[in-house]
N, C-alpha and C. Protein backbone atom coordinates (compact mmCIF):
# COMPACT_ATOMS: atom_id res chain seq x y z
N UNK A 1 1.36 -74.00 -129.26
CA UNK A 1 2.75 -73.86 -128.85
C UNK A 1 2.89 -74.26 -127.38
N UNK A 2 3.12 -75.53 -127.12
CA UNK A 2 3.10 -76.02 -125.75
C UNK A 2 4.31 -75.63 -124.90
N UNK A 3 5.35 -75.07 -125.50
CA UNK A 3 6.57 -74.81 -124.74
C UNK A 3 6.87 -73.33 -124.53
N UNK A 4 5.87 -72.49 -124.70
CA UNK A 4 6.11 -71.05 -124.58
C UNK A 4 6.37 -70.62 -123.14
N UNK A 5 5.92 -71.38 -122.16
CA UNK A 5 6.12 -71.00 -120.76
C UNK A 5 7.49 -71.43 -120.22
N UNK A 6 8.14 -72.37 -120.89
CA UNK A 6 9.43 -72.85 -120.40
C UNK A 6 10.54 -71.84 -120.71
N UNK A 7 11.49 -71.77 -119.80
CA UNK A 7 12.70 -70.96 -119.97
C UNK A 7 13.87 -71.82 -119.54
N UNK A 8 15.05 -71.51 -120.02
CA UNK A 8 16.23 -72.27 -119.66
C UNK A 8 16.42 -72.23 -118.14
N UNK A 9 16.63 -73.39 -117.56
CA UNK A 9 16.82 -73.48 -116.10
C UNK A 9 18.25 -73.10 -115.74
N UNK A 10 18.50 -72.79 -114.47
CA UNK A 10 19.88 -72.52 -114.03
C UNK A 10 20.80 -73.71 -114.31
N UNK A 11 20.27 -74.93 -114.17
CA UNK A 11 21.07 -76.12 -114.47
C UNK A 11 21.39 -76.21 -115.96
N UNK A 12 20.42 -75.85 -116.78
CA UNK A 12 20.63 -75.82 -118.23
C UNK A 12 21.67 -74.79 -118.63
N UNK A 13 21.61 -73.63 -117.99
CA UNK A 13 22.60 -72.58 -118.25
C UNK A 13 24.00 -73.05 -117.85
N UNK A 14 24.11 -73.68 -116.71
CA UNK A 14 25.41 -74.20 -116.26
C UNK A 14 25.92 -75.27 -117.22
N UNK A 15 25.03 -76.13 -117.71
CA UNK A 15 25.40 -77.16 -118.68
C UNK A 15 25.97 -76.51 -119.95
N UNK A 16 25.27 -75.52 -120.47
CA UNK A 16 25.70 -74.84 -121.68
C UNK A 16 27.05 -74.17 -121.46
N UNK A 17 27.21 -73.48 -120.35
CA UNK A 17 28.49 -72.81 -120.08
C UNK A 17 29.63 -73.82 -119.98
N UNK A 18 29.35 -74.96 -119.38
CA UNK A 18 30.38 -75.99 -119.27
C UNK A 18 30.74 -76.54 -120.65
N UNK A 19 29.74 -76.80 -121.47
CA UNK A 19 29.98 -77.33 -122.82
C UNK A 19 30.73 -76.32 -123.69
N UNK A 20 30.34 -75.08 -123.62
CA UNK A 20 30.91 -74.06 -124.49
C UNK A 20 32.27 -73.57 -124.02
N UNK A 21 32.47 -73.52 -122.70
CA UNK A 21 33.69 -72.91 -122.19
C UNK A 21 33.65 -71.41 -122.41
N UNK A 22 34.57 -70.70 -121.78
CA UNK A 22 34.60 -69.24 -121.86
C UNK A 22 35.91 -68.76 -122.46
N UNK A 23 35.81 -67.80 -123.35
CA UNK A 23 36.99 -67.13 -123.88
C UNK A 23 36.71 -65.64 -123.96
N UNK A 24 37.54 -64.86 -123.30
CA UNK A 24 37.40 -63.41 -123.34
C UNK A 24 37.86 -62.85 -124.68
N UNK A 25 38.68 -63.60 -125.37
CA UNK A 25 39.24 -63.17 -126.66
C UNK A 25 38.59 -63.96 -127.80
N UNK A 26 38.33 -63.30 -128.93
CA UNK A 26 37.83 -64.04 -130.09
C UNK A 26 38.85 -65.08 -130.55
N UNK A 27 38.35 -66.22 -131.00
CA UNK A 27 39.23 -67.27 -131.51
C UNK A 27 38.48 -68.07 -132.57
N UNK A 28 39.24 -68.77 -133.40
CA UNK A 28 38.64 -69.68 -134.37
C UNK A 28 38.52 -71.04 -133.73
N UNK A 29 37.31 -71.57 -133.69
CA UNK A 29 37.12 -72.90 -133.10
C UNK A 29 37.60 -73.98 -134.07
N UNK A 30 37.47 -75.23 -133.67
CA UNK A 30 37.98 -76.32 -134.50
C UNK A 30 37.24 -76.45 -135.82
N UNK A 31 36.10 -75.79 -135.94
CA UNK A 31 35.34 -75.79 -137.19
C UNK A 31 35.59 -74.51 -138.00
N UNK A 32 36.60 -73.75 -137.59
CA UNK A 32 37.04 -72.53 -138.28
C UNK A 32 36.04 -71.38 -138.22
N UNK A 33 35.20 -71.39 -137.20
CA UNK A 33 34.26 -70.30 -136.98
C UNK A 33 34.81 -69.39 -135.89
N UNK A 34 34.64 -68.07 -136.05
CA UNK A 34 35.10 -67.13 -135.04
C UNK A 34 34.06 -66.99 -133.95
N UNK A 35 34.48 -67.24 -132.71
CA UNK A 35 33.59 -67.19 -131.56
C UNK A 35 34.26 -66.43 -130.42
N UNK A 36 33.44 -66.04 -129.45
CA UNK A 36 33.92 -65.33 -128.27
C UNK A 36 32.94 -65.61 -127.14
N UNK A 37 33.38 -65.39 -125.92
CA UNK A 37 32.49 -65.59 -124.77
C UNK A 37 32.18 -67.06 -124.60
N UNK A 38 30.90 -67.38 -124.49
CA UNK A 38 30.44 -68.76 -124.36
C UNK A 38 29.94 -69.27 -125.71
N UNK A 39 30.83 -69.33 -126.68
CA UNK A 39 30.48 -69.86 -127.99
C UNK A 39 29.65 -68.93 -128.85
N UNK A 40 29.68 -67.63 -128.56
CA UNK A 40 28.93 -66.68 -129.38
C UNK A 40 29.59 -66.58 -130.75
N UNK A 41 28.83 -66.89 -131.79
CA UNK A 41 29.31 -66.80 -133.16
C UNK A 41 29.39 -65.32 -133.54
N UNK A 42 30.59 -64.87 -133.86
CA UNK A 42 30.79 -63.45 -134.19
C UNK A 42 30.21 -63.17 -135.57
N UNK A 43 29.30 -62.21 -135.61
CA UNK A 43 28.67 -61.80 -136.86
C UNK A 43 29.54 -60.76 -137.55
N UNK A 44 29.34 -60.59 -138.84
CA UNK A 44 30.15 -59.66 -139.62
C UNK A 44 30.17 -58.24 -139.10
N UNK A 45 29.09 -57.81 -138.48
CA UNK A 45 29.01 -56.44 -137.99
C UNK A 45 29.60 -56.28 -136.58
N UNK A 46 29.98 -57.36 -135.94
CA UNK A 46 30.47 -57.30 -134.56
C UNK A 46 32.01 -57.24 -134.54
N UNK A 47 32.51 -56.41 -133.65
CA UNK A 47 33.96 -56.37 -133.42
C UNK A 47 34.21 -56.48 -131.92
N UNK A 48 35.27 -57.16 -131.59
CA UNK A 48 35.65 -57.35 -130.19
C UNK A 48 37.13 -57.01 -130.08
N UNK A 49 37.42 -55.72 -129.92
CA UNK A 49 38.81 -55.24 -129.90
C UNK A 49 39.45 -55.37 -128.53
N UNK A 50 38.64 -55.47 -127.51
CA UNK A 50 39.16 -55.64 -126.15
C UNK A 50 38.60 -56.94 -125.58
N UNK A 51 39.29 -57.50 -124.59
CA UNK A 51 38.78 -58.75 -124.00
C UNK A 51 37.36 -58.56 -123.44
N UNK A 52 36.58 -59.59 -123.59
CA UNK A 52 35.20 -59.59 -123.12
C UNK A 52 35.18 -59.79 -121.61
N UNK A 53 34.39 -59.00 -120.92
CA UNK A 53 34.22 -59.21 -119.48
C UNK A 53 33.20 -60.32 -119.26
N UNK A 54 33.17 -60.86 -118.07
CA UNK A 54 32.18 -61.89 -117.74
C UNK A 54 30.75 -61.38 -117.93
N UNK A 55 30.42 -60.17 -117.44
CA UNK A 55 29.06 -59.67 -117.68
C UNK A 55 28.74 -59.50 -119.17
N UNK A 56 29.70 -59.07 -119.98
CA UNK A 56 29.46 -58.94 -121.42
C UNK A 56 29.20 -60.32 -122.04
N UNK A 57 30.00 -61.30 -121.64
CA UNK A 57 29.82 -62.66 -122.16
C UNK A 57 28.46 -63.21 -121.75
N UNK A 58 28.06 -62.98 -120.50
CA UNK A 58 26.75 -63.44 -120.04
C UNK A 58 25.63 -62.77 -120.83
N UNK A 59 25.78 -61.47 -121.13
CA UNK A 59 24.75 -60.75 -121.90
C UNK A 59 24.65 -61.31 -123.32
N UNK A 60 25.79 -61.57 -123.96
CA UNK A 60 25.77 -62.17 -125.30
C UNK A 60 25.11 -63.55 -125.27
N UNK A 61 25.45 -64.33 -124.27
CA UNK A 61 24.87 -65.67 -124.15
C UNK A 61 23.35 -65.57 -123.97
N UNK A 62 22.89 -64.64 -123.16
CA UNK A 62 21.45 -64.48 -122.96
C UNK A 62 20.74 -64.09 -124.25
N UNK A 63 21.37 -63.23 -125.05
CA UNK A 63 20.78 -62.87 -126.35
C UNK A 63 20.68 -64.10 -127.26
N UNK A 64 21.75 -64.89 -127.29
CA UNK A 64 21.76 -66.11 -128.12
C UNK A 64 20.71 -67.10 -127.63
N UNK A 65 20.61 -67.26 -126.31
CA UNK A 65 19.62 -68.18 -125.73
C UNK A 65 18.21 -67.70 -126.05
N UNK A 66 17.98 -66.41 -125.95
CA UNK A 66 16.65 -65.86 -126.23
C UNK A 66 16.23 -66.18 -127.67
N UNK A 67 17.13 -66.04 -128.61
CA UNK A 67 16.82 -66.37 -130.01
C UNK A 67 16.47 -67.85 -130.14
N UNK A 68 17.19 -68.70 -129.43
CA UNK A 68 16.91 -70.14 -129.47
C UNK A 68 15.57 -70.47 -128.82
N UNK A 69 15.24 -69.79 -127.74
CA UNK A 69 13.96 -70.02 -127.06
C UNK A 69 12.79 -69.65 -127.96
N UNK A 70 12.92 -68.55 -128.71
CA UNK A 70 11.86 -68.16 -129.63
C UNK A 70 11.64 -69.24 -130.69
N UNK A 71 12.74 -69.74 -131.25
CA UNK A 71 12.64 -70.76 -132.29
C UNK A 71 12.05 -72.05 -131.72
N UNK A 72 12.51 -72.45 -130.55
CA UNK A 72 12.00 -73.68 -129.95
C UNK A 72 10.50 -73.56 -129.67
N UNK A 73 10.07 -72.43 -129.15
CA UNK A 73 8.64 -72.22 -128.86
C UNK A 73 7.82 -72.29 -130.14
N UNK A 74 8.37 -71.81 -131.23
CA UNK A 74 7.66 -71.79 -132.51
C UNK A 74 7.68 -73.14 -133.21
N UNK A 75 8.78 -73.89 -133.11
CA UNK A 75 8.98 -75.07 -133.94
C UNK A 75 8.65 -76.40 -133.27
N UNK A 76 8.85 -76.52 -131.97
CA UNK A 76 8.62 -77.80 -131.29
C UNK A 76 7.17 -77.85 -130.82
N UNK A 77 6.44 -78.80 -131.38
CA UNK A 77 4.99 -78.87 -131.18
C UNK A 77 4.55 -79.81 -130.06
N UNK A 78 5.47 -80.61 -129.54
CA UNK A 78 5.10 -81.54 -128.47
C UNK A 78 5.52 -80.94 -127.12
N UNK A 79 4.77 -81.23 -126.07
CA UNK A 79 5.16 -80.71 -124.76
C UNK A 79 6.47 -81.32 -124.29
N UNK A 80 7.29 -80.50 -123.67
CA UNK A 80 8.58 -80.94 -123.14
C UNK A 80 8.60 -80.72 -121.63
N UNK A 81 9.43 -81.49 -120.96
CA UNK A 81 9.72 -81.21 -119.56
C UNK A 81 11.01 -80.40 -119.54
N UNK A 82 11.32 -79.84 -118.39
CA UNK A 82 12.42 -78.88 -118.29
C UNK A 82 13.75 -79.43 -118.81
N UNK A 83 14.12 -80.63 -118.42
CA UNK A 83 15.43 -81.16 -118.81
C UNK A 83 15.52 -81.39 -120.32
N UNK A 84 14.40 -81.77 -120.94
CA UNK A 84 14.37 -81.91 -122.40
C UNK A 84 14.51 -80.55 -123.07
N UNK A 85 13.82 -79.58 -122.53
CA UNK A 85 13.89 -78.21 -123.05
C UNK A 85 15.33 -77.70 -122.97
N UNK A 86 15.97 -77.89 -121.83
CA UNK A 86 17.35 -77.44 -121.65
C UNK A 86 18.28 -78.09 -122.66
N UNK A 87 18.11 -79.40 -122.88
CA UNK A 87 18.95 -80.12 -123.83
C UNK A 87 18.73 -79.58 -125.25
N UNK A 88 17.49 -79.30 -125.61
CA UNK A 88 17.21 -78.77 -126.94
C UNK A 88 17.73 -77.34 -127.12
N UNK A 89 17.69 -76.55 -126.08
CA UNK A 89 18.26 -75.19 -126.16
C UNK A 89 19.77 -75.29 -126.39
N UNK A 90 20.42 -76.22 -125.72
CA UNK A 90 21.86 -76.42 -125.94
C UNK A 90 22.13 -76.78 -127.40
N UNK A 91 21.33 -77.69 -127.95
CA UNK A 91 21.50 -78.07 -129.36
C UNK A 91 21.25 -76.87 -130.27
N UNK A 92 20.17 -76.13 -130.03
CA UNK A 92 19.83 -74.98 -130.87
C UNK A 92 20.93 -73.92 -130.82
N UNK A 93 21.47 -73.71 -129.64
CA UNK A 93 22.55 -72.74 -129.49
C UNK A 93 23.78 -73.16 -130.28
N UNK A 94 24.07 -74.42 -130.26
CA UNK A 94 25.23 -74.95 -130.95
C UNK A 94 25.05 -74.94 -132.47
N UNK A 95 23.87 -75.35 -132.95
CA UNK A 95 23.61 -75.40 -134.39
C UNK A 95 23.32 -74.02 -134.98
N UNK A 96 22.76 -73.15 -134.16
CA UNK A 96 22.21 -71.90 -134.63
C UNK A 96 20.71 -72.06 -134.77
N UNK A 97 19.94 -71.03 -134.43
CA UNK A 97 18.48 -71.15 -134.41
C UNK A 97 17.87 -71.58 -135.75
N UNK A 98 18.35 -71.04 -136.86
CA UNK A 98 17.76 -71.37 -138.16
C UNK A 98 18.03 -72.82 -138.54
N UNK A 99 19.26 -73.27 -138.33
CA UNK A 99 19.61 -74.66 -138.64
C UNK A 99 18.83 -75.61 -137.75
N UNK A 100 18.71 -75.26 -136.47
CA UNK A 100 17.93 -76.06 -135.54
C UNK A 100 16.48 -76.18 -136.02
N UNK A 101 15.88 -75.06 -136.40
CA UNK A 101 14.48 -75.05 -136.82
C UNK A 101 14.22 -75.98 -137.99
N UNK A 102 15.19 -76.08 -138.89
CA UNK A 102 15.04 -76.91 -140.09
C UNK A 102 15.56 -78.33 -139.91
N UNK A 103 16.00 -78.67 -138.71
CA UNK A 103 16.67 -79.95 -138.50
C UNK A 103 15.71 -81.14 -138.44
N UNK A 104 16.26 -82.29 -138.78
CA UNK A 104 15.50 -83.54 -138.67
C UNK A 104 15.20 -83.85 -137.21
N UNK A 105 16.03 -83.38 -136.30
CA UNK A 105 15.78 -83.60 -134.87
C UNK A 105 14.41 -83.03 -134.51
N UNK A 106 14.15 -81.80 -134.90
CA UNK A 106 12.87 -81.16 -134.61
C UNK A 106 11.73 -81.91 -135.30
N UNK A 107 11.94 -82.26 -136.55
CA UNK A 107 10.89 -82.97 -137.29
C UNK A 107 10.53 -84.29 -136.59
N UNK A 108 11.54 -85.07 -136.20
CA UNK A 108 11.28 -86.35 -135.55
C UNK A 108 10.66 -86.18 -134.16
N UNK A 109 11.08 -85.18 -133.42
CA UNK A 109 10.48 -84.94 -132.11
C UNK A 109 9.00 -84.61 -132.28
N UNK A 110 8.69 -83.75 -133.25
CA UNK A 110 7.29 -83.40 -133.50
C UNK A 110 6.46 -84.60 -133.93
N UNK A 111 7.09 -85.57 -134.55
CA UNK A 111 6.41 -86.81 -134.95
C UNK A 111 6.42 -87.84 -133.82
N UNK A 112 7.01 -87.47 -132.70
CA UNK A 112 7.15 -88.36 -131.54
C UNK A 112 7.97 -89.61 -131.86
N UNK A 113 8.86 -89.48 -132.81
CA UNK A 113 9.79 -90.55 -133.16
C UNK A 113 11.12 -90.25 -132.46
N UNK A 114 11.13 -90.44 -131.15
CA UNK A 114 12.25 -90.00 -130.32
C UNK A 114 13.53 -90.78 -130.59
N UNK A 115 13.44 -92.06 -130.89
CA UNK A 115 14.65 -92.83 -131.19
C UNK A 115 15.33 -92.28 -132.44
N UNK A 116 14.55 -91.97 -133.45
CA UNK A 116 15.12 -91.38 -134.68
C UNK A 116 15.69 -90.00 -134.39
N UNK A 117 14.98 -89.21 -133.59
CA UNK A 117 15.46 -87.87 -133.25
C UNK A 117 16.81 -87.95 -132.55
N UNK A 118 16.93 -88.86 -131.60
CA UNK A 118 18.19 -89.00 -130.86
C UNK A 118 19.31 -89.50 -131.76
N UNK A 119 19.01 -90.38 -132.69
CA UNK A 119 20.04 -90.88 -133.62
C UNK A 119 20.57 -89.74 -134.49
N UNK A 120 19.68 -88.92 -135.01
CA UNK A 120 20.10 -87.78 -135.83
C UNK A 120 20.84 -86.77 -134.96
N UNK A 121 20.34 -86.55 -133.77
CA UNK A 121 20.94 -85.59 -132.83
C UNK A 121 22.40 -85.97 -132.56
N UNK A 122 22.64 -87.24 -132.28
CA UNK A 122 24.01 -87.71 -132.02
C UNK A 122 24.94 -87.48 -133.20
N UNK A 123 24.37 -87.47 -134.40
CA UNK A 123 25.18 -87.32 -135.61
C UNK A 123 25.46 -85.85 -135.96
N UNK A 124 24.84 -84.92 -135.24
CA UNK A 124 25.04 -83.49 -135.52
C UNK A 124 26.38 -83.01 -134.96
N UNK A 125 27.45 -83.51 -135.52
CA UNK A 125 28.79 -83.18 -134.99
C UNK A 125 29.66 -82.44 -135.99
N UNK A 126 29.04 -81.90 -137.03
CA UNK A 126 29.79 -81.11 -138.01
C UNK A 126 29.28 -79.69 -138.01
N UNK A 127 30.21 -78.77 -138.09
CA UNK A 127 29.89 -77.36 -138.29
C UNK A 127 30.82 -76.85 -139.36
N UNK A 128 30.26 -76.10 -140.28
CA UNK A 128 31.09 -75.51 -141.33
C UNK A 128 31.83 -76.60 -142.12
N UNK A 129 31.22 -77.79 -142.22
CA UNK A 129 31.81 -78.89 -142.97
C UNK A 129 32.93 -79.63 -142.27
N UNK A 130 33.15 -79.35 -140.98
CA UNK A 130 34.24 -79.97 -140.23
C UNK A 130 33.65 -80.75 -139.06
N UNK A 131 34.07 -82.01 -138.92
CA UNK A 131 33.64 -82.85 -137.79
C UNK A 131 34.36 -82.39 -136.52
N UNK A 132 33.62 -82.26 -135.44
CA UNK A 132 34.16 -81.75 -134.19
C UNK A 132 34.10 -82.81 -133.09
N UNK A 133 35.25 -83.14 -132.52
CA UNK A 133 35.28 -84.08 -131.40
C UNK A 133 34.57 -83.50 -130.18
N UNK A 134 34.72 -82.20 -129.96
CA UNK A 134 34.04 -81.55 -128.84
C UNK A 134 32.53 -81.64 -128.97
N UNK A 135 32.04 -81.49 -130.19
CA UNK A 135 30.59 -81.59 -130.40
C UNK A 135 30.10 -83.02 -130.19
N UNK A 136 30.93 -83.99 -130.51
CA UNK A 136 30.55 -85.38 -130.28
C UNK A 136 30.25 -85.60 -128.79
N UNK A 137 31.12 -85.13 -127.93
CA UNK A 137 30.90 -85.26 -126.47
C UNK A 137 29.67 -84.47 -126.02
N UNK A 138 29.53 -83.27 -126.57
CA UNK A 138 28.38 -82.43 -126.19
C UNK A 138 27.08 -83.09 -126.62
N UNK A 139 27.02 -83.64 -127.84
CA UNK A 139 25.80 -84.30 -128.32
C UNK A 139 25.45 -85.50 -127.45
N UNK A 140 26.45 -86.26 -127.04
CA UNK A 140 26.19 -87.41 -126.16
C UNK A 140 25.58 -86.94 -124.85
N UNK A 141 26.11 -85.85 -124.30
CA UNK A 141 25.60 -85.33 -123.03
C UNK A 141 24.19 -84.78 -123.19
N UNK A 142 23.94 -84.04 -124.29
CA UNK A 142 22.60 -83.51 -124.54
C UNK A 142 21.58 -84.63 -124.68
N UNK A 143 21.93 -85.64 -125.46
CA UNK A 143 21.02 -86.77 -125.67
C UNK A 143 20.77 -87.53 -124.38
N UNK A 144 21.79 -87.65 -123.55
CA UNK A 144 21.62 -88.32 -122.27
C UNK A 144 20.60 -87.56 -121.41
N UNK A 145 20.67 -86.23 -121.42
CA UNK A 145 19.69 -85.44 -120.67
C UNK A 145 18.28 -85.66 -121.21
N UNK A 146 18.13 -85.57 -122.51
CA UNK A 146 16.82 -85.73 -123.14
C UNK A 146 16.26 -87.12 -122.90
N UNK A 147 17.11 -88.13 -123.02
CA UNK A 147 16.71 -89.53 -122.90
C UNK A 147 16.35 -89.90 -121.46
N UNK A 148 16.90 -89.23 -120.48
CA UNK A 148 16.62 -89.53 -119.07
C UNK A 148 15.12 -89.53 -118.81
N UNK A 149 14.45 -88.53 -119.29
CA UNK A 149 13.01 -88.40 -119.07
C UNK A 149 12.27 -89.47 -119.87
N UNK A 150 12.70 -89.74 -121.09
CA UNK A 150 12.03 -90.76 -121.89
C UNK A 150 12.08 -92.12 -121.21
N UNK A 151 13.21 -92.45 -120.62
CA UNK A 151 13.34 -93.71 -119.90
C UNK A 151 12.38 -93.82 -118.74
N UNK A 152 12.22 -92.75 -117.99
CA UNK A 152 11.28 -92.75 -116.86
C UNK A 152 9.85 -92.91 -117.35
N UNK A 153 9.52 -92.24 -118.46
CA UNK A 153 8.16 -92.33 -119.00
C UNK A 153 7.86 -93.75 -119.49
N UNK A 154 8.84 -94.37 -120.13
CA UNK A 154 8.65 -95.74 -120.62
C UNK A 154 8.47 -96.71 -119.46
N UNK A 155 9.22 -96.51 -118.39
CA UNK A 155 9.10 -97.40 -117.23
C UNK A 155 7.71 -97.26 -116.58
N UNK A 156 7.19 -96.05 -116.53
CA UNK A 156 5.86 -95.83 -115.94
C UNK A 156 4.78 -96.47 -116.80
N UNK A 157 4.99 -96.48 -118.12
CA UNK A 157 3.97 -97.01 -119.04
C UNK A 157 3.84 -98.52 -118.95
N UNK A 158 4.85 -99.21 -118.42
CA UNK A 158 4.82 -100.68 -118.36
C UNK A 158 3.93 -101.17 -117.25
């Protein structure tokens, strides 16, 4: 497990917060999922009768990130650099840890087929059977972060 020492960077956290946006009140997103805070998917046992405070939203986000970090450490078998890790945590948070773990993105990354991984990653713009324009922009940004390092590595190899 080569990525157990990595944790989401402050820049990665800021990226996720920017992509997700903040809502103190629960709302249905464009994919008809109920969310609150920074994109926290409301589970059946959770109720949010009063507006969420910033510290509450940050705590929920940290719990969600922690679940994604556990999955990433378990499922991604190739070493990552920080910016790649941050981009993958953003994807895992958006897809959900279980969906991320079973995704073709993870499979292709583990096979070191990065072009295929990025192509599939860019196409991950549906949630709950609904295509999301917001996710399209987020996927482009995530892939750009991940690809930045690949470009530098390819240039060094020449």
